[in-house]
Amino acid sequence: MGLVLGGLLVAAGIAETVRLFRSGDGGFWFWFPTLVGGGALVVAGTLLLPRSPRLGRVMTTVGALAGILPTMWTLVVPVLLVVLIVSANRTVVVAEEETTP
């Protein structure tokens, strides 16, 4: 789910950046970092979760939080991002419980 949502955020960020440059609208410094940066963090954090749970959790959470604001109008994507945050945090808690004697 993290890879799909991260990819969706990156694709939306690229599409929004192209639209900004073609139309001349402002807001590049809001749309690009929140969508592309947030999506890249979600993808990287999701891939890091199995190897480095704490760093993966932080990256996934920060990226998802960054992606929530610009996608708020969709209603579905922010809910899925919150589910991703909860899921990543539960994965880390379970991994820590398994390693603790």
N, C-alpha and C. Protein backbone atom coordinates (compact mmCIF):
# COMPACT_ATOMS: atom_id res chain seq x y z
N MET A 1 0.82 -1.18 0.00
CA MET A 1 0.00 0.00 0.00
C MET A 1 0.87 1.25 0.00
N GLY A 2 2.01 1.20 0.72
CA GLY A 2 2.89 2.35 0.78
C GLY A 2 3.49 2.71 -0.56
N LEU A 3 3.87 1.69 -1.32
CA LEU A 3 4.45 1.96 -2.64
C LEU A 3 3.43 2.58 -3.58
N VAL A 4 2.21 2.09 -3.53
CA VAL A 4 1.15 2.62 -4.40
C VAL A 4 0.83 4.06 -4.02
N LEU A 5 0.64 4.32 -2.72
CA LEU A 5 0.32 5.69 -2.29
C LEU A 5 1.48 6.65 -2.55
N GLY A 6 2.71 6.19 -2.30
CA GLY A 6 3.87 7.03 -2.59
C GLY A 6 3.99 7.34 -4.07
N GLY A 7 3.78 6.33 -4.90
CA GLY A 7 3.80 6.54 -6.34
C GLY A 7 2.70 7.49 -6.80
N LEU A 8 1.54 7.36 -6.18
CA LEU A 8 0.42 8.26 -6.50
C LEU A 8 0.77 9.70 -6.14
N LEU A 9 1.39 9.91 -4.99
CA LEU A 9 1.77 11.27 -4.59
C LEU A 9 2.82 11.84 -5.54
N VAL A 10 3.80 11.04 -5.91
CA VAL A 10 4.83 11.52 -6.84
C VAL A 10 4.22 11.85 -8.20
N ALA A 11 3.35 10.99 -8.70
CA ALA A 11 2.69 11.25 -9.99
C ALA A 11 1.84 12.51 -9.93
N ALA A 12 1.10 12.69 -8.83
CA ALA A 12 0.29 13.90 -8.68
C ALA A 12 1.17 15.13 -8.58
N GLY A 13 2.31 15.00 -7.91
CA GLY A 13 3.23 16.14 -7.81
C GLY A 13 3.82 16.52 -9.15
N ILE A 14 4.17 15.53 -9.96
CA ILE A 14 4.71 15.83 -11.29
C ILE A 14 3.63 16.47 -12.15
N ALA A 15 2.42 15.93 -12.10
CA ALA A 15 1.32 16.50 -12.89
C ALA A 15 1.01 17.93 -12.44
N GLU A 16 1.03 18.17 -11.16
CA GLU A 16 0.75 19.52 -10.64
C GLU A 16 1.87 20.48 -11.02
N THR A 17 3.11 20.02 -11.00
CA THR A 17 4.23 20.87 -11.38
C THR A 17 4.16 21.24 -12.85
N VAL A 18 3.83 20.28 -13.70
CA VAL A 18 3.67 20.57 -15.13
C VAL A 18 2.54 21.58 -15.33
N ARG A 19 1.44 21.37 -14.63
CA ARG A 19 0.32 22.31 -14.74
C ARG A 19 0.71 23.71 -14.30
N LEU A 20 1.49 23.81 -13.23
CA LEU A 20 1.92 25.12 -12.74
C LEU A 20 2.78 25.84 -13.76
N PHE A 21 3.70 25.13 -14.37
CA PHE A 21 4.58 25.77 -15.34
C PHE A 21 3.84 26.14 -16.62
N ARG A 22 2.88 25.35 -17.01
CA ARG A 22 2.13 25.66 -18.24
C ARG A 22 1.16 26.81 -18.04
N SER A 23 0.56 26.89 -16.85
CA SER A 23 -0.45 27.92 -16.62
C SER A 23 0.13 29.19 -16.02
N GLY A 24 1.32 29.10 -15.42
CA GLY A 24 1.91 30.27 -14.80
C GLY A 24 1.41 30.54 -13.40
N ASP A 25 0.63 29.62 -12.86
CA ASP A 25 0.15 29.78 -11.49
C ASP A 25 1.32 29.67 -10.52
N GLY A 26 1.13 30.20 -9.35
CA GLY A 26 2.15 30.09 -8.32
C GLY A 26 1.94 28.84 -7.49
N GLY A 27 2.71 28.73 -6.46
CA GLY A 27 2.54 27.63 -5.53
C GLY A 27 3.49 26.47 -5.71
N PHE A 28 4.51 26.66 -6.54
CA PHE A 28 5.46 25.57 -6.78
C PHE A 28 6.08 25.09 -5.48
N TRP A 29 6.47 26.00 -4.60
CA TRP A 29 7.15 25.64 -3.36
C TRP A 29 6.22 24.98 -2.36
N PHE A 30 4.95 24.95 -2.63
CA PHE A 30 4.02 24.17 -1.81
C PHE A 30 3.76 22.79 -2.44
N TRP A 31 3.39 22.78 -3.70
CA TRP A 31 2.97 21.54 -4.35
C TRP A 31 4.11 20.55 -4.54
N PHE A 32 5.25 21.00 -5.02
CA PHE A 32 6.34 20.07 -5.31
C PHE A 32 6.89 19.38 -4.06
N PRO A 33 7.25 20.13 -3.01
CA PRO A 33 7.80 19.44 -1.83
C PRO A 33 6.78 18.55 -1.12
N THR A 34 5.53 18.97 -1.06
CA THR A 34 4.56 18.16 -0.33
C THR A 34 4.17 16.91 -1.09
N LEU A 35 3.99 17.01 -2.39
CA LEU A 35 3.57 15.85 -3.16
C LEU A 35 4.75 14.96 -3.58
N VAL A 36 5.71 15.53 -4.27
CA VAL A 36 6.84 14.72 -4.73
C VAL A 36 7.73 14.33 -3.56
N GLY A 37 8.04 15.29 -2.69
CA GLY A 37 8.87 14.98 -1.53
C GLY A 37 8.19 14.02 -0.58
N GLY A 38 6.91 14.26 -0.31
CA GLY A 38 6.16 13.35 0.55
C GLY A 38 6.04 11.96 -0.04
N GLY A 39 5.79 11.89 -1.34
CA GLY A 39 5.69 10.59 -2.01
C GLY A 39 7.01 9.84 -1.99
N ALA A 40 8.10 10.55 -2.21
CA ALA A 40 9.43 9.91 -2.17
C ALA A 40 9.74 9.39 -0.77
N LEU A 41 9.37 10.15 0.25
CA LEU A 41 9.57 9.69 1.63
C LEU A 41 8.72 8.46 1.94
N VAL A 42 7.49 8.45 1.45
CA VAL A 42 6.62 7.29 1.69
C VAL A 42 7.20 6.04 1.02
N VAL A 43 7.64 6.17 -0.22
CA VAL A 43 8.22 5.02 -0.92
C VAL A 43 9.49 4.56 -0.22
N ALA A 44 10.39 5.49 0.09
CA ALA A 44 11.65 5.12 0.75
C ALA A 44 11.39 4.52 2.13
N GLY A 45 10.48 5.11 2.88
CA GLY A 45 10.16 4.59 4.21
C GLY A 45 9.55 3.21 4.15
N THR A 46 8.68 2.98 3.18
CA THR A 46 8.06 1.67 3.02
C THR A 46 9.10 0.61 2.68
N LEU A 47 10.04 0.96 1.83
CA LEU A 47 11.09 0.02 1.46
C LEU A 47 12.07 -0.23 2.62
N LEU A 48 12.23 0.76 3.50
CA LEU A 48 13.14 0.61 4.64
C LEU A 48 12.53 -0.11 5.84
N LEU A 49 11.21 -0.18 5.90
CA LEU A 49 10.55 -0.78 7.07
C LEU A 49 11.09 -2.16 7.45
N PRO A 50 11.31 -3.09 6.53
CA PRO A 50 11.80 -4.41 6.95
C PRO A 50 13.23 -4.39 7.51
N ARG A 51 14.08 -3.52 6.97
CA ARG A 51 15.49 -3.49 7.38
C ARG A 51 15.75 -2.57 8.56
N SER A 52 15.12 -1.43 8.55
CA SER A 52 15.32 -0.43 9.60
C SER A 52 13.95 0.11 10.02
N PRO A 53 13.27 -0.59 10.91
CA PRO A 53 11.88 -0.23 11.23
C PRO A 53 11.70 1.19 11.75
N ARG A 54 12.57 1.65 12.60
CA ARG A 54 12.38 2.99 13.16
C ARG A 54 12.54 4.08 12.11
N LEU A 55 13.60 3.99 11.31
CA LEU A 55 13.81 4.99 10.26
C LEU A 55 12.71 4.90 9.21
N GLY A 56 12.31 3.69 8.85
CA GLY A 56 11.22 3.52 7.90
C GLY A 56 9.92 4.11 8.40
N ARG A 57 9.65 3.93 9.70
CA ARG A 57 8.43 4.49 10.29
C ARG A 57 8.46 6.01 10.23
N VAL A 58 9.59 6.61 10.59
CA VAL A 58 9.69 8.07 10.58
C VAL A 58 9.52 8.61 9.16
N MET A 59 10.20 8.01 8.20
CA MET A 59 10.12 8.49 6.83
C MET A 59 8.71 8.32 6.27
N THR A 60 8.09 7.18 6.54
CA THR A 60 6.73 6.94 6.05
C THR A 60 5.76 7.93 6.68
N THR A 61 5.89 8.15 7.98
CA THR A 61 4.97 9.05 8.67
C THR A 61 5.14 10.49 8.20
N VAL A 62 6.36 10.96 8.09
CA VAL A 62 6.60 12.34 7.64
C VAL A 62 6.11 12.53 6.20
N GLY A 63 6.40 11.58 5.34
CA GLY A 63 5.94 11.68 3.95
C GLY A 63 4.43 11.66 3.83
N ALA A 64 3.79 10.78 4.61
CA ALA A 64 2.32 10.72 4.56
C ALA A 64 1.71 12.00 5.11
N LEU A 65 2.26 12.53 6.18
CA LEU A 65 1.74 13.79 6.72
C LEU A 65 1.92 14.94 5.73
N ALA A 66 3.03 14.95 5.01
CA ALA A 66 3.25 15.97 3.99
C ALA A 66 2.24 15.83 2.85
N GLY A 67 1.89 14.59 2.52
CA GLY A 67 0.96 14.35 1.41
C GLY A 67 -0.50 14.54 1.76
N ILE A 68 -0.82 14.59 3.05
CA ILE A 68 -2.23 14.72 3.44
C ILE A 68 -2.79 16.09 3.05
N LEU A 69 -2.05 17.15 3.33
CA LEU A 69 -2.58 18.50 3.10
C LEU A 69 -2.93 18.78 1.63
N PRO A 70 -2.04 18.54 0.67
CA PRO A 70 -2.41 18.86 -0.71
C PRO A 70 -3.44 17.90 -1.32
N THR A 71 -3.66 16.75 -0.70
CA THR A 71 -4.66 15.82 -1.24
C THR A 71 -5.95 15.82 -0.43
N MET A 72 -6.09 16.76 0.47
CA MET A 72 -7.25 16.81 1.36
C MET A 72 -8.57 16.84 0.59
N TRP A 73 -8.60 17.50 -0.54
CA TRP A 73 -9.84 17.63 -1.30
C TRP A 73 -10.34 16.30 -1.85
N THR A 74 -9.48 15.29 -1.94
CA THR A 74 -9.91 14.00 -2.50
C THR A 74 -10.67 13.16 -1.49
N LEU A 75 -10.48 13.43 -0.21
CA LEU A 75 -11.12 12.72 0.91
C LEU A 75 -10.64 11.28 1.07
N VAL A 76 -10.39 10.57 -0.01
CA VAL A 76 -10.00 9.16 0.08
C VAL A 76 -8.50 9.02 0.35
N VAL A 77 -7.68 9.78 -0.36
CA VAL A 77 -6.23 9.65 -0.22
C VAL A 77 -5.77 10.00 1.20
N PRO A 78 -6.25 11.08 1.82
CA PRO A 78 -5.82 11.34 3.20
C PRO A 78 -6.19 10.21 4.16
N VAL A 79 -7.34 9.62 3.98
CA VAL A 79 -7.74 8.50 4.84
C VAL A 79 -6.79 7.32 4.64
N LEU A 80 -6.46 7.03 3.39
CA LEU A 80 -5.51 5.94 3.11
C LEU A 80 -4.12 6.25 3.68
N LEU A 81 -3.72 7.52 3.64
CA LEU A 81 -2.43 7.89 4.21
C LEU A 81 -2.42 7.73 5.73
N VAL A 82 -3.53 8.05 6.37
CA VAL A 82 -3.63 7.84 7.83
C VAL A 82 -3.57 6.35 8.14
N VAL A 83 -4.26 5.54 7.34
CA VAL A 83 -4.20 4.08 7.52
C VAL A 83 -2.76 3.59 7.34
N LEU A 84 -2.04 4.16 6.39
CA LEU A 84 -0.64 3.79 6.18
C LEU A 84 0.22 4.15 7.40
N ILE A 85 -0.01 5.32 7.97
CA ILE A 85 0.74 5.74 9.16
C ILE A 85 0.49 4.76 10.31
N VAL A 86 -0.77 4.43 10.54
CA VAL A 86 -1.11 3.50 11.61
C VAL A 86 -0.50 2.13 11.34
N SER A 87 -0.58 1.67 10.12
CA SER A 87 -0.03 0.38 9.75
C SER A 87 1.49 0.33 9.94
N ALA A 88 2.19 1.38 9.53
CA ALA A 88 3.64 1.43 9.68
C ALA A 88 4.02 1.43 11.16
N ASN A 89 3.28 2.17 11.95
CA ASN A 89 3.58 2.22 13.39
C ASN A 89 3.30 0.88 14.06
N ARG A 90 2.25 0.22 13.67
CA ARG A 90 1.95 -1.10 14.24
C ARG A 90 3.01 -2.12 13.84
N THR A 91 3.50 -2.03 12.61
CA THR A 91 4.55 -2.94 12.15
C THR A 91 5.80 -2.79 13.01
N VAL A 92 6.16 -1.56 13.31
CA VAL A 92 7.35 -1.31 14.11
C VAL A 92 7.16 -1.80 15.54
N VAL A 93 5.99 -1.58 16.10
CA VAL A 93 5.72 -2.04 17.47
C VAL A 93 5.80 -3.55 17.54
N VAL A 94 5.23 -4.23 16.58
CA VAL A 94 5.27 -5.70 16.55
C VAL A 94 6.71 -6.17 16.39
N ALA A 95 7.48 -5.53 15.52
CA ALA A 95 8.88 -5.91 15.31
C ALA A 95 9.70 -5.70 16.59
N GLU A 96 9.44 -4.62 17.32
CA GLU A 96 10.16 -4.37 18.56
C GLU A 96 9.78 -5.37 19.63
N GLU A 97 8.51 -5.77 19.68
CA GLU A 97 8.08 -6.76 20.66
C GLU A 97 8.71 -8.12 20.40
N GLU A 98 8.90 -8.45 19.12
CA GLU A 98 9.50 -9.74 18.77
C GLU A 98 10.99 -9.79 19.13
N THR A 99 11.67 -8.65 19.06
CA THR A 99 13.10 -8.63 19.35
C THR A 99 13.39 -8.46 20.83
N THR A 100 12.43 -7.98 21.60
CA THR A 100 12.62 -7.79 23.03
C THR A 100 12.43 -9.13 23.75
N PRO A 101 13.44 -9.52 24.58
CA PRO A 101 13.31 -10.81 25.26
C PRO A 101 12.27 -10.80 26.38
